[in-house]
């Protein structure tokens, strides 16, 4: 017999809706364990049906060690901002980031196979929690991407910044004098969030991207009547401005009071030993 007490217990144990719990208990003749299995199977079917729906909303979440040795950044997508603002969705993103930080898996697929905590018997996998969340919230939900940064020794630190609202998240790994890194790491992370650099420096710009931009500049109508030597200087100057827009080290630093000093110049002023090794910036809904 399906009683209100059984329905309440099943809801507390699974987080499933009232009608789903009532149906599961009816299908399992009031057996709680069988009802949980039923809900799990139903959840897998529902998740499969929703898997092709477009997910452009969601949250970015991070987890890091206080000493700046390790940090993890994840992006989880859903279909609507309404779901992204629910406690269930936020809690899943938090648990996911914490597990990514603790387990430090090598890939996104490995993260999905991670078991909560230390993987003790009976603990659930991230993939199972995701399936249950899809069934509970009624939307397609996907773990889009994940990145882990580790500091290599005491001369490196990882900085993390997530913009209020959890739509933009940044990690920056830096090397140099530890006492000089703390403050500037946070500022650099905030700069990356605000200015959206694509590459660290001009050396990292792919050859195809550089060739395409130089080709576009050379085809500018204003260069047609210019002598070749002058045209080349104009192209070089405009290409340098292009790099100052897309390369972190060449961008004007948002904290620079003159409005002219670049990130590269700022680091030298703070301490010549400081060096940005890598960074990552996630923004919900941006193109891959």
C-alpha atoms as a PDB file:
ATOM      1  CA  UNK A   1       0.000   0.000   0.000  1.00  0.00           C
ATOM      2  CA  UNK A   2       1.295   3.448  -0.918  1.00  0.00           C
ATOM      3  CA  UNK A   3       1.037   5.678   2.143  1.00  0.00           C
ATOM      4  CA  UNK A   4       1.884   9.399   2.599  1.00  0.00           C
ATOM      5  CA  UNK A   5       4.744   8.317   4.862  1.00  0.00           C
ATOM      6  CA  UNK A   6       6.299   6.142   2.142  1.00  0.00           C
ATOM      7  CA  UNK A   7       5.952   8.955  -0.408  1.00  0.00           C
ATOM      8  CA  UNK A   8       7.599  11.407   1.987  1.00  0.00           C
ATOM      9  CA  UNK A   9      10.479   9.013   2.705  1.00  0.00           C
ATOM     10  CA  UNK A  10      11.064   8.384  -1.001  1.00  0.00           C
ATOM     11  CA  UNK A  11      11.048  12.111  -1.748  1.00  0.00           C
ATOM     12  CA  UNK A  12      13.563  12.764   1.044  1.00  0.00           C
ATOM     13  CA  UNK A  13      15.877  10.003  -0.219  1.00  0.00           C
ATOM     14  CA  UNK A  14      15.706  10.852  -3.932  1.00  0.00           C
ATOM     15  CA  UNK A  15      14.579  14.471  -4.290  1.00  0.00           C
ATOM     16  CA  UNK A  16      12.061  13.340  -6.922  1.00  0.00           C
ATOM     17  CA  UNK A  17       8.662  14.996  -7.385  1.00  0.00           C
ATOM     18  CA  UNK A  18       5.494  13.985  -5.556  1.00  0.00           C
ATOM     19  CA  UNK A  19       3.772  12.359  -8.536  1.00  0.00           C
ATOM     20  CA  UNK A  20       6.952  10.563  -9.646  1.00  0.00           C
ATOM     21  CA  UNK A  21       7.369   9.089  -6.158  1.00  0.00           C
ATOM     22  CA  UNK A  22       3.728   8.040  -6.026  1.00  0.00           C
ATOM     23  CA  UNK A  23       4.024   6.336  -9.417  1.00  0.00           C
ATOM     24  CA  UNK A  24       7.302   4.603  -8.465  1.00  0.00           C
ATOM     25  CA  UNK A  25       5.836   3.223  -5.251  1.00  0.00           C
ATOM     26  CA  UNK A  26       2.751   2.030  -7.118  1.00  0.00           C
ATOM     27  CA  UNK A  27       4.937   0.219  -9.655  1.00  0.00           C
ATOM     28  CA  UNK A  28       6.997  -1.397  -6.892  1.00  0.00           C
ATOM     29  CA  UNK A  29       4.136  -2.336  -4.538  1.00  0.00           C
ATOM     30  CA  UNK A  30       5.394   0.028  -1.855  1.00  0.00           C
ATOM     31  CA  UNK A  31       8.974  -1.302  -1.790  1.00  0.00           C
ATOM     32  CA  UNK A  32      11.259   1.731  -1.264  1.00  0.00           C
ATOM     33  CA  UNK A  33      14.403   0.172  -2.759  1.00  0.00           C
ATOM     34  CA  UNK A  34      12.554  -1.045  -5.856  1.00  0.00           C
ATOM     35  CA  UNK A  35      10.940   2.388  -6.174  1.00  0.00           C
ATOM     36  CA  UNK A  36      14.406   4.011  -6.142  1.00  0.00           C
ATOM     37  CA  UNK A  37      15.523   1.661  -8.916  1.00  0.00           C
ATOM     38  CA  UNK A  38      12.382   2.543 -10.880  1.00  0.00           C
ATOM     39  CA  UNK A  39      13.086   6.264 -10.525  1.00  0.00           C
ATOM     40  CA  UNK A  40      16.682   5.730 -11.626  1.00  0.00           C
ATOM     41  CA  UNK A  41      15.580   3.875 -14.767  1.00  0.00           C
ATOM     42  CA  UNK A  42      12.971   6.527 -15.504  1.00  0.00           C
ATOM     43  CA  UNK A  43      15.594   9.212 -15.027  1.00  0.00           C
ATOM     44  CA  UNK A  44      17.914   7.609 -17.563  1.00  0.00           C
ATOM     45  CA  UNK A  45      15.103   7.466 -20.120  1.00  0.00           C
ATOM     46  CA  UNK A  46      14.118  11.082 -19.517  1.00  0.00           C
ATOM     47  CA  UNK A  47      17.742  12.219 -19.765  1.00  0.00           C
ATOM     48  CA  UNK A  48      18.159  10.401 -23.079  1.00  0.00           C
ATOM     49  CA  UNK A  49      15.050  12.083 -24.510  1.00  0.00           C
ATOM     50  CA  UNK A  50      16.269  15.537 -23.477  1.00  0.00           C
ATOM     51  CA  UNK A  51      19.904  15.091 -24.569  1.00  0.00           C
ATOM     52  CA  UNK A  52      19.414  16.780 -27.967  1.00  0.00           C
ATOM     53  CA  UNK A  53      17.900  19.977 -26.576  1.00  0.00           C
ATOM     54  CA  UNK A  54      20.047  23.123 -26.818  1.00  0.00           C
ATOM     55  CA  UNK A  55      21.665  24.309 -23.564  1.00  0.00           C
ATOM     56  CA  UNK A  56      22.823  27.924 -23.554  1.00  0.00           C
ATOM     57  CA  UNK A  57      22.233  28.914 -19.954  1.00  0.00           C
ATOM     58  CA  UNK A  58      24.016  27.681 -16.846  1.00  0.00           C
ATOM     59  CA  UNK A  59      26.741  28.506 -14.348  1.00  0.00           C
ATOM     60  CA  UNK A  60      30.508  28.545 -13.966  1.00  0.00           C
ATOM     61  CA  UNK A  61      31.826  27.250 -10.636  1.00  0.00           C
ATOM     62  CA  UNK A  62      35.282  26.916  -9.087  1.00  0.00           C
ATOM     63  CA  UNK A  63      37.047  25.206  -6.203  1.00  0.00           C
ATOM     64  CA  UNK A  64      40.607  25.904  -5.063  1.00  0.00           C
ATOM     65  CA  UNK A  65      43.119  25.378  -2.294  1.00  0.00           C
ATOM     66  CA  UNK A  66      43.776  28.376   0.012  1.00  0.00           C
ATOM     67  CA  UNK A  67      47.497  28.284  -0.788  1.00  0.00           C
ATOM     68  CA  UNK A  68      46.941  28.629  -4.536  1.00  0.00           C
ATOM     69  CA  UNK A  69      48.412  25.203  -5.305  1.00  0.00           C
ATOM     70  CA  UNK A  70      45.418  23.702  -7.146  1.00  0.00           C
ATOM     71  CA  UNK A  71      42.208  25.038  -8.663  1.00  0.00           C
ATOM     72  CA  UNK A  72      39.398  23.621 -10.787  1.00  0.00           C
ATOM     73  CA  UNK A  73      36.907  25.423 -13.028  1.00  0.00           C
ATOM     74  CA  UNK A  74      33.722  23.876 -14.471  1.00  0.00           C
ATOM     75  CA  UNK A  75      30.874  25.040 -16.682  1.00  0.00           C
ATOM     76  CA  UNK A  76      27.476  23.372 -16.474  1.00  0.00           C
ATOM     77  CA  UNK A  77      24.764  24.221 -19.013  1.00  0.00           C
ATOM     78  CA  UNK A  78      20.974  23.991 -18.944  1.00  0.00           C
ATOM     79  CA  UNK A  79      18.141  25.185 -21.160  1.00  0.00           C
ATOM     80  CA  UNK A  80      16.749  28.118 -19.163  1.00  0.00           C
ATOM     81  CA  UNK A  81      18.011  30.709 -16.717  1.00  0.00           C
ATOM     82  CA  UNK A  82      15.125  29.756 -14.442  1.00  0.00           C
ATOM     83  CA  UNK A  83      16.666  26.308 -13.875  1.00  0.00           C
ATOM     84  CA  UNK A  84      20.167  27.807 -13.566  1.00  0.00           C
ATOM     85  CA  UNK A  85      18.900  29.819 -10.575  1.00  0.00           C
ATOM     86  CA  UNK A  86      17.426  26.841  -8.707  1.00  0.00           C
ATOM     87  CA  UNK A  87      19.125  25.509  -5.591  1.00  0.00           C
ATOM     88  CA  UNK A  88      19.245  21.995  -7.083  1.00  0.00           C
ATOM     89  CA  UNK A  89      21.225  23.191 -10.091  1.00  0.00           C
ATOM     90  CA  UNK A  90      23.534  25.414  -8.034  1.00  0.00           C
ATOM     91  CA  UNK A  91      24.221  22.606  -5.561  1.00  0.00           C
ATOM     92  CA  UNK A  92      25.101  20.196  -8.379  1.00  0.00           C
ATOM     93  CA  UNK A  93      27.558  22.742  -9.842  1.00  0.00           C
ATOM     94  CA  UNK A  94      29.124  23.218  -6.404  1.00  0.00           C
ATOM     95  CA  UNK A  95      29.469  19.464  -5.814  1.00  0.00           C
ATOM     96  CA  UNK A  96      30.923  19.030  -9.311  1.00  0.00           C
ATOM     97  CA  UNK A  97      33.573  21.728  -8.797  1.00  0.00           C
ATOM     98  CA  UNK A  98      34.526  20.326  -5.394  1.00  0.00           C
ATOM     99  CA  UNK A  99      34.885  16.807  -6.804  1.00  0.00           C
ATOM    100  CA  UNK A 100      36.947  18.100  -9.736  1.00  0.00           C
ATOM    101  CA  UNK A 101      39.245  19.820  -7.238  1.00  0.00           C
ATOM    102  CA  UNK A 102      39.523  16.806  -4.918  1.00  0.00           C
ATOM    103  CA  UNK A 103      39.757  14.055  -7.539  1.00  0.00           C
ATOM    104  CA  UNK A 104      41.781  16.044 -10.091  1.00  0.00           C
ATOM    105  CA  UNK A 105      40.722  13.875 -13.054  1.00  0.00           C
ATOM    106  CA  UNK A 106      42.654  14.253 -16.307  1.00  0.00           C
ATOM    107  CA  UNK A 107      39.652  14.748 -18.603  1.00  0.00           C
ATOM    108  CA  UNK A 108      36.010  15.795 -18.617  1.00  0.00           C
ATOM    109  CA  UNK A 109      34.931  12.206 -19.261  1.00  0.00           C
ATOM    110  CA  UNK A 110      36.986  11.055 -16.287  1.00  0.00           C
ATOM    111  CA  UNK A 111      35.319  13.718 -14.141  1.00  0.00           C
ATOM    112  CA  UNK A 112      31.892  12.314 -15.018  1.00  0.00           C
ATOM    113  CA  UNK A 113      33.056   8.904 -13.752  1.00  0.00           C
ATOM    114  CA  UNK A 114      34.340  10.326 -10.458  1.00  0.00           C
ATOM    115  CA  UNK A 115      32.602   9.081  -7.314  1.00  0.00           C
ATOM    116  CA  UNK A 116      31.748  11.575  -4.598  1.00  0.00           C
ATOM    117  CA  UNK A 117      34.142  11.958  -1.733  1.00  0.00           C
ATOM    118  CA  UNK A 118      36.970   9.441  -1.788  1.00  0.00           C
ATOM    119  CA  UNK A 119      35.025   6.938  -3.879  1.00  0.00           C
ATOM    120  CA  UNK A 120      33.911   4.855  -0.902  1.00  0.00           C
ATOM    121  CA  UNK A 121      31.512   1.952  -1.570  1.00  0.00           C
ATOM    122  CA  UNK A 122      27.968   3.116  -2.272  1.00  0.00           C
ATOM    123  CA  UNK A 123      28.952   6.653  -3.297  1.00  0.00           C
ATOM    124  CA  UNK A 124      27.381   7.973  -6.468  1.00  0.00           C
ATOM    125  CA  UNK A 125      29.149   8.885  -9.692  1.00  0.00           C
ATOM    126  CA  UNK A 126      28.882  12.396 -11.106  1.00  0.00           C
ATOM    127  CA  UNK A 127      27.217  10.934 -14.220  1.00  0.00           C
ATOM    128  CA  UNK A 128      24.486   9.373 -12.047  1.00  0.00           C
ATOM    129  CA  UNK A 129      23.886  12.632 -10.193  1.00  0.00           C
ATOM    130  CA  UNK A 130      23.576  14.395 -13.551  1.00  0.00           C
ATOM    131  CA  UNK A 131      20.978  11.886 -14.767  1.00  0.00           C
ATOM    132  CA  UNK A 132      18.968  12.318 -11.579  1.00  0.00           C
ATOM    133  CA  UNK A 133      19.149  16.107 -11.895  1.00  0.00           C
ATOM    134  CA  UNK A 134      17.822  15.999 -15.474  1.00  0.00           C
ATOM    135  CA  UNK A 135      14.899  13.846 -14.364  1.00  0.00           C
ATOM    136  CA  UNK A 136      14.165  16.108 -11.394  1.00  0.00           C
ATOM    137  CA  UNK A 137      14.378  19.485 -13.147  1.00  0.00           C
ATOM    138  CA  UNK A 138      12.949  18.437 -16.517  1.00  0.00           C
ATOM    139  CA  UNK A 139      15.619  20.048 -18.725  1.00  0.00           C
ATOM    140  CA  UNK A 140      18.629  18.902 -20.679  1.00  0.00           C
ATOM    141  CA  UNK A 141      21.683  19.573 -18.506  1.00  0.00           C
ATOM    142  CA  UNK A 142      25.257  19.033 -19.611  1.00  0.00           C
ATOM    143  CA  UNK A 143      28.719  19.392 -18.122  1.00  0.00           C
ATOM    144  CA  UNK A 144      30.264  21.391 -20.941  1.00  0.00           C
ATOM    145  CA  UNK A 145      33.891  21.779 -19.890  1.00  0.00           C
ATOM    146  CA  UNK A 146      36.372  21.460 -17.061  1.00  0.00           C
ATOM    147  CA  UNK A 147      39.909  22.681 -16.442  1.00  0.00           C
ATOM    148  CA  UNK A 148      42.394  21.941 -13.664  1.00  0.00           C
ATOM    149  CA  UNK A 149      45.465  24.064 -12.918  1.00  0.00           C
ATOM    150  CA  UNK A 150      48.266  22.873 -10.626  1.00  0.00           C
ATOM    151  CA  UNK A 151      51.116  25.029  -9.344  1.00  0.00           C
ATOM    152  CA  UNK A 152      54.495  23.421  -9.916  1.00  0.00           C
ATOM    153  CA  UNK A 153      56.245  24.058  -6.612  1.00  0.00           C
ATOM    154  CA  UNK A 154      56.339  27.052  -4.268  1.00  0.00           C
ATOM    155  CA  UNK A 155      57.373  29.498  -6.957  1.00  0.00           C
ATOM    156  CA  UNK A 156      54.010  29.156  -8.700  1.00  0.00           C
ATOM    157  CA  UNK A 157      50.439  29.993  -7.702  1.00  0.00           C
ATOM    158  CA  UNK A 158      46.999  29.655  -9.259  1.00  0.00           C
ATOM    159  CA  UNK A 159      44.560  32.545  -9.038  1.00  0.00           C
ATOM    160  CA  UNK A 160      40.803  32.146  -9.467  1.00  0.00           C
ATOM    161  CA  UNK A 161      38.023  34.653 -10.057  1.00  0.00           C
ATOM    162  CA  UNK A 162      34.322  34.071 -10.695  1.00  0.00           C
ATOM    163  CA  UNK A 163      32.289  37.148 -11.571  1.00  0.00           C
ATOM    164  CA  UNK A 164      29.132  37.716  -9.468  1.00  0.00           C
ATOM    165  CA  UNK A 165      26.303  35.736 -11.002  1.00  0.00           C
ATOM    166  CA  UNK A 166      28.612  32.851 -11.938  1.00  0.00           C
ATOM    167  CA  UNK A 167      28.405  33.478 -15.684  1.00  0.00           C
ATOM    168  CA  UNK A 168      32.153  34.167 -16.131  1.00  0.00           C
ATOM    169  CA  UNK A 169      35.027  32.333 -14.465  1.00  0.00           C
ATOM    170  CA  UNK A 170      38.814  32.662 -14.778  1.00  0.00           C
ATOM    171  CA  UNK A 171      41.944  30.810 -13.651  1.00  0.00           C
ATOM    172  CA  UNK A 172      45.480  32.140 -14.019  1.00  0.00           C
ATOM    173  CA  UNK A 173      48.700  30.259 -13.250  1.00  0.00           C
ATOM    174  CA  UNK A 174      51.669  32.479 -12.472  1.00  0.00           C
ATOM    175  CA  UNK A 175      55.330  32.032 -11.534  1.00  0.00           C
ATOM    176  CA  UNK A 176      57.589  34.370  -9.600  1.00  0.00           C
ATOM    177  CA  UNK A 177      58.299  35.712  -6.129  1.00  0.00           C
ATOM    178  CA  UNK A 178      55.475  34.290  -3.925  1.00  0.00           C
ATOM    179  CA  UNK A 179      55.173  37.416  -1.765  1.00  0.00           C
ATOM    180  CA  UNK A 180      54.524  39.523  -4.873  1.00  0.00           C
ATOM    181  CA  UNK A 181      51.947  37.257  -6.503  1.00  0.00           C
ATOM    182  CA  UNK A 182      48.920  37.346  -4.207  1.00  0.00           C
ATOM    183  CA  UNK A 183      47.521  40.782  -4.995  1.00  0.00           C
ATOM    184  CA  UNK A 184      48.453  40.931  -8.661  1.00  0.00           C
ATOM    185  CA  UNK A 185      47.058  37.424  -9.325  1.00  0.00           C
ATOM    186  CA  UNK A 186      43.564  38.516  -8.328  1.00  0.00           C
ATOM    187  CA  UNK A 187      43.823  41.697 -10.405  1.00  0.00           C
ATOM    188  CA  UNK A 188      45.044  39.785 -13.468  1.00  0.00           C
ATOM    189  CA  UNK A 189      42.212  37.270 -13.073  1.00  0.00           C
ATOM    190  CA  UNK A 190      39.670  40.103 -12.938  1.00  0.00           C
ATOM    191  CA  UNK A 191      41.311  41.682 -15.989  1.00  0.00           C
ATOM    192  CA  UNK A 192      40.917  38.452 -17.957  1.00  0.00           C
ATOM    193  CA  UNK A 193      37.241  38.297 -16.969  1.00  0.00           C
ATOM    194  CA  UNK A 194      36.642  41.876 -18.121  1.00  0.00           C
ATOM    195  CA  UNK A 195      38.817  42.057 -21.263  1.00  0.00           C
ATOM    196  CA  UNK A 196      38.445  38.535 -22.674  1.00  0.00           C
ATOM    197  CA  UNK A 197      41.924  37.953 -24.122  1.00  0.00           C
ATOM    198  CA  UNK A 198      42.157  35.009 -26.504  1.00  0.00           C
ATOM    199  CA  UNK A 199      45.884  34.307 -26.207  1.00  0.00           C
ATOM    200  CA  UNK A 200      48.678  34.995 -23.720  1.00  0.00           C
ATOM    201  CA  UNK A 201      51.016  36.662 -26.236  1.00  0.00           C
ATOM    202  CA  UNK A 202      51.605  37.139 -29.944  1.00  0.00           C
ATOM    203  CA  UNK A 203      53.716  33.978 -30.012  1.00  0.00           C
ATOM    204  CA  UNK A 204      50.635  31.924 -29.125  1.00  0.00           C
ATOM    205  CA  UNK A 205      48.454  33.290 -31.929  1.00  0.00           C
ATOM    206  CA  UNK A 206      47.970  30.440 -34.443  1.00  0.00           C
ATOM    207  CA  UNK A 207      49.740  30.976 -37.766  1.00  0.00           C
ATOM    208  CA  UNK A 208      46.449  30.713 -39.666  1.00  0.00           C
ATOM    209  CA  UNK A 209      44.875  33.481 -37.554  1.00  0.00           C
ATOM    210  CA  UNK A 210      47.929  35.740 -37.972  1.00  0.00           C
ATOM    211  CA  UNK A 211      48.069  35.187 -41.748  1.00  0.00           C
ATOM    212  CA  UNK A 212      44.361  35.861 -42.139  1.00  0.00           C
ATOM    213  CA  UNK A 213      44.569  39.144 -40.226  1.00  0.00           C
ATOM    214  CA  UNK A 214      47.684  40.335 -42.059  1.00  0.00           C
ATOM    215  CA  UNK A 215      46.042  39.431 -45.361  1.00  0.00           C
ATOM    216  CA  UNK A 216      42.950  41.430 -44.447  1.00  0.00           C
ATOM    217  CA  UNK A 217      45.074  44.433 -43.489  1.00  0.00           C
ATOM    218  CA  UNK A 218      47.098  44.299 -46.721  1.00  0.00           C
ATOM    219  CA  UNK A 219      43.889  44.402 -48.762  1.00  0.00           C
ATOM    220  CA  UNK A 220      42.793  47.679 -47.165  1.00  0.00           C
ATOM    221  CA  UNK A 221      41.874  50.314 -49.848  1.00  0.00           C
ATOM    222  CA  UNK A 222      43.976  52.969 -48.102  1.00  0.00           C
ATOM    223  CA  UNK A 223      47.177  51.047 -48.930  1.00  0.00           C
ATOM    224  CA  UNK A 224      46.635  50.900 -52.688  1.00  0.00           C
ATOM    225  CA  UNK A 225      48.441  54.153 -53.419  1.00  0.00           C
ATOM    226  CA  UNK A 226      51.104  53.787 -50.727  1.00  0.00           C
ATOM    227  CA  UNK A 227      54.718  52.828 -51.483  1.00  0.00           C
ATOM    228  CA  UNK A 228      55.442  49.242 -50.462  1.00  0.00           C
ATOM    229  CA  UNK A 229      57.746  50.178 -47.578  1.00  0.00           C
ATOM    230  CA  UNK A 230      55.195  52.571 -46.073  1.00  0.00           C
ATOM    231  CA  UNK A 231      52.361  50.065 -46.618  1.00  0.00           C
ATOM    232  CA  UNK A 232      54.322  47.416 -44.719  1.00  0.00           C
ATOM    233  CA  UNK A 233      54.836  49.797 -41.767  1.00  0.00           C
ATOM    234  CA  UNK A 234      51.128  50.589 -41.684  1.00  0.00           C
ATOM    235  CA  UNK A 235      50.244  46.888 -41.734  1.00  0.00           C
ATOM    236  CA  UNK A 236      52.771  46.202 -38.961  1.00  0.00           C
ATOM    237  CA  UNK A 237      51.307  48.976 -36.809  1.00  0.00           C
ATOM    238  CA  UNK A 238      47.735  47.801 -37.280  1.00  0.00           C
ATOM    239  CA  UNK A 239      48.712  44.196 -36.620  1.00  0.00           C
ATOM    240  CA  UNK A 240      50.341  45.299 -33.350  1.00  0.00           C
ATOM    241  CA  UNK A 241      47.073  46.984 -32.368  1.00  0.00           C
ATOM    242  CA  UNK A 242      45.270  43.759 -33.253  1.00  0.00           C
ATOM    243  CA  UNK A 243      47.554  41.857 -30.869  1.00  0.00           C
ATOM    244  CA  UNK A 244      46.917  44.445 -28.148  1.00  0.00           C
ATOM    245  CA  UNK A 245      43.238  43.563 -28.340  1.00  0.00           C
ATOM    246  CA  UNK A 246      43.472  39.763 -28.234  1.00  0.00           C
ATOM    247  CA  UNK A 247      46.700  39.027 -26.289  1.00  0.00           C
ATOM    248  CA  UNK A 248      46.681  39.286 -22.503  1.00  0.00           C
ATOM    249  CA  UNK A 249      50.234  40.581 -22.075  1.00  0.00           C
ATOM    250  CA  UNK A 250      49.717  43.294 -24.698  1.00  0.00           C
ATOM    251  CA  UNK A 251      46.363  44.537 -23.405  1.00  0.00           C
ATOM    252  CA  UNK A 252      46.170  47.787 -21.427  1.00  0.00           C
ATOM    253  CA  UNK A 253      45.816  46.711 -17.805  1.00  0.00           C
ATOM    254  CA  UNK A 254      42.437  47.665 -16.318  1.00  0.00           C
ATOM    255  CA  UNK A 255      44.115  48.757 -13.051  1.00  0.00           C
ATOM    256  CA  UNK A 256      46.676  51.000 -14.737  1.00  0.00           C
ATOM    257  CA  UNK A 257      45.968  54.581 -13.655  1.00  0.00           C
ATOM    258  CA  UNK A 258      47.455  56.108 -16.818  1.00  0.00           C
ATOM    259  CA  UNK A 259      45.277  54.052 -19.117  1.00  0.00           C
ATOM    260  CA  UNK A 260      48.352  53.150 -21.179  1.00  0.00           C
ATOM    261  CA  UNK A 261      50.388  50.573 -19.247  1.00  0.00           C
ATOM    262  CA  UNK A 262      50.051  47.009 -20.512  1.00  0.00           C
ATOM    263  CA  UNK A 263      49.766  43.848 -18.437  1.00  0.00           C
ATOM    264  CA  UNK A 264      53.343  42.995 -19.430  1.00  0.00           C
ATOM    265  CA  UNK A 265      54.630  46.378 -18.211  1.00  0.00           C
ATOM    266  CA  UNK A 266      52.632  46.149 -15.000  1.00  0.00           C
ATOM    267  CA  UNK A 267      54.139  42.774 -14.116  1.00  0.00           C
ATOM    268  CA  UNK A 268      57.651  44.167 -14.616  1.00  0.00           C
ATOM    269  CA  UNK A 269      56.885  47.087 -12.301  1.00  0.00           C
ATOM    270  CA  UNK A 270      55.513  44.841  -9.570  1.00  0.00           C
ATOM    271  CA  UNK A 271      58.426  42.379  -9.814  1.00  0.00           C
ATOM    272  CA  UNK A 272      60.571  41.353 -12.800  1.00  0.00           C
ATOM    273  CA  UNK A 273      60.321  37.690 -11.754  1.00  0.00           C
ATOM    274  CA  UNK A 274      56.544  37.549 -12.315  1.00  0.00           C
ATOM    275  CA  UNK A 275      55.416  35.565 -15.332  1.00  0.00           C
ATOM    276  CA  UNK A 276      51.961  34.445 -16.443  1.00  0.00           C
ATOM    277  CA  UNK A 277      52.203  30.808 -17.524  1.00  0.00           C
ATOM    278  CA  UNK A 278      48.633  30.107 -18.655  1.00  0.00           C
ATOM    279  CA  UNK A 279      45.061  31.212 -18.199  1.00  0.00           C
ATOM    280  CA  UNK A 280      41.546  30.026 -18.985  1.00  0.00           C
ATOM    281  CA  UNK A 281      38.299  31.987 -19.207  1.00  0.00           C
ATOM    282  CA  UNK A 282      34.831  30.416 -19.290  1.00  0.00           C
ATOM    283  CA  UNK A 283      31.709  32.392 -20.183  1.00  0.00           C
ATOM    284  CA  UNK A 284      28.330  30.698 -20.173  1.00  0.00           C
ATOM    285  CA  UNK A 285      26.860  30.378 -23.644  1.00  0.00           C
ATOM    286  CA  UNK A 286      29.906  31.512 -25.612  1.00  0.00           C
ATOM    287  CA  UNK A 287      30.875  29.702 -28.810  1.00  0.00           C
ATOM    288  CA  UNK A 288      33.256  26.772 -28.437  1.00  0.00           C
END
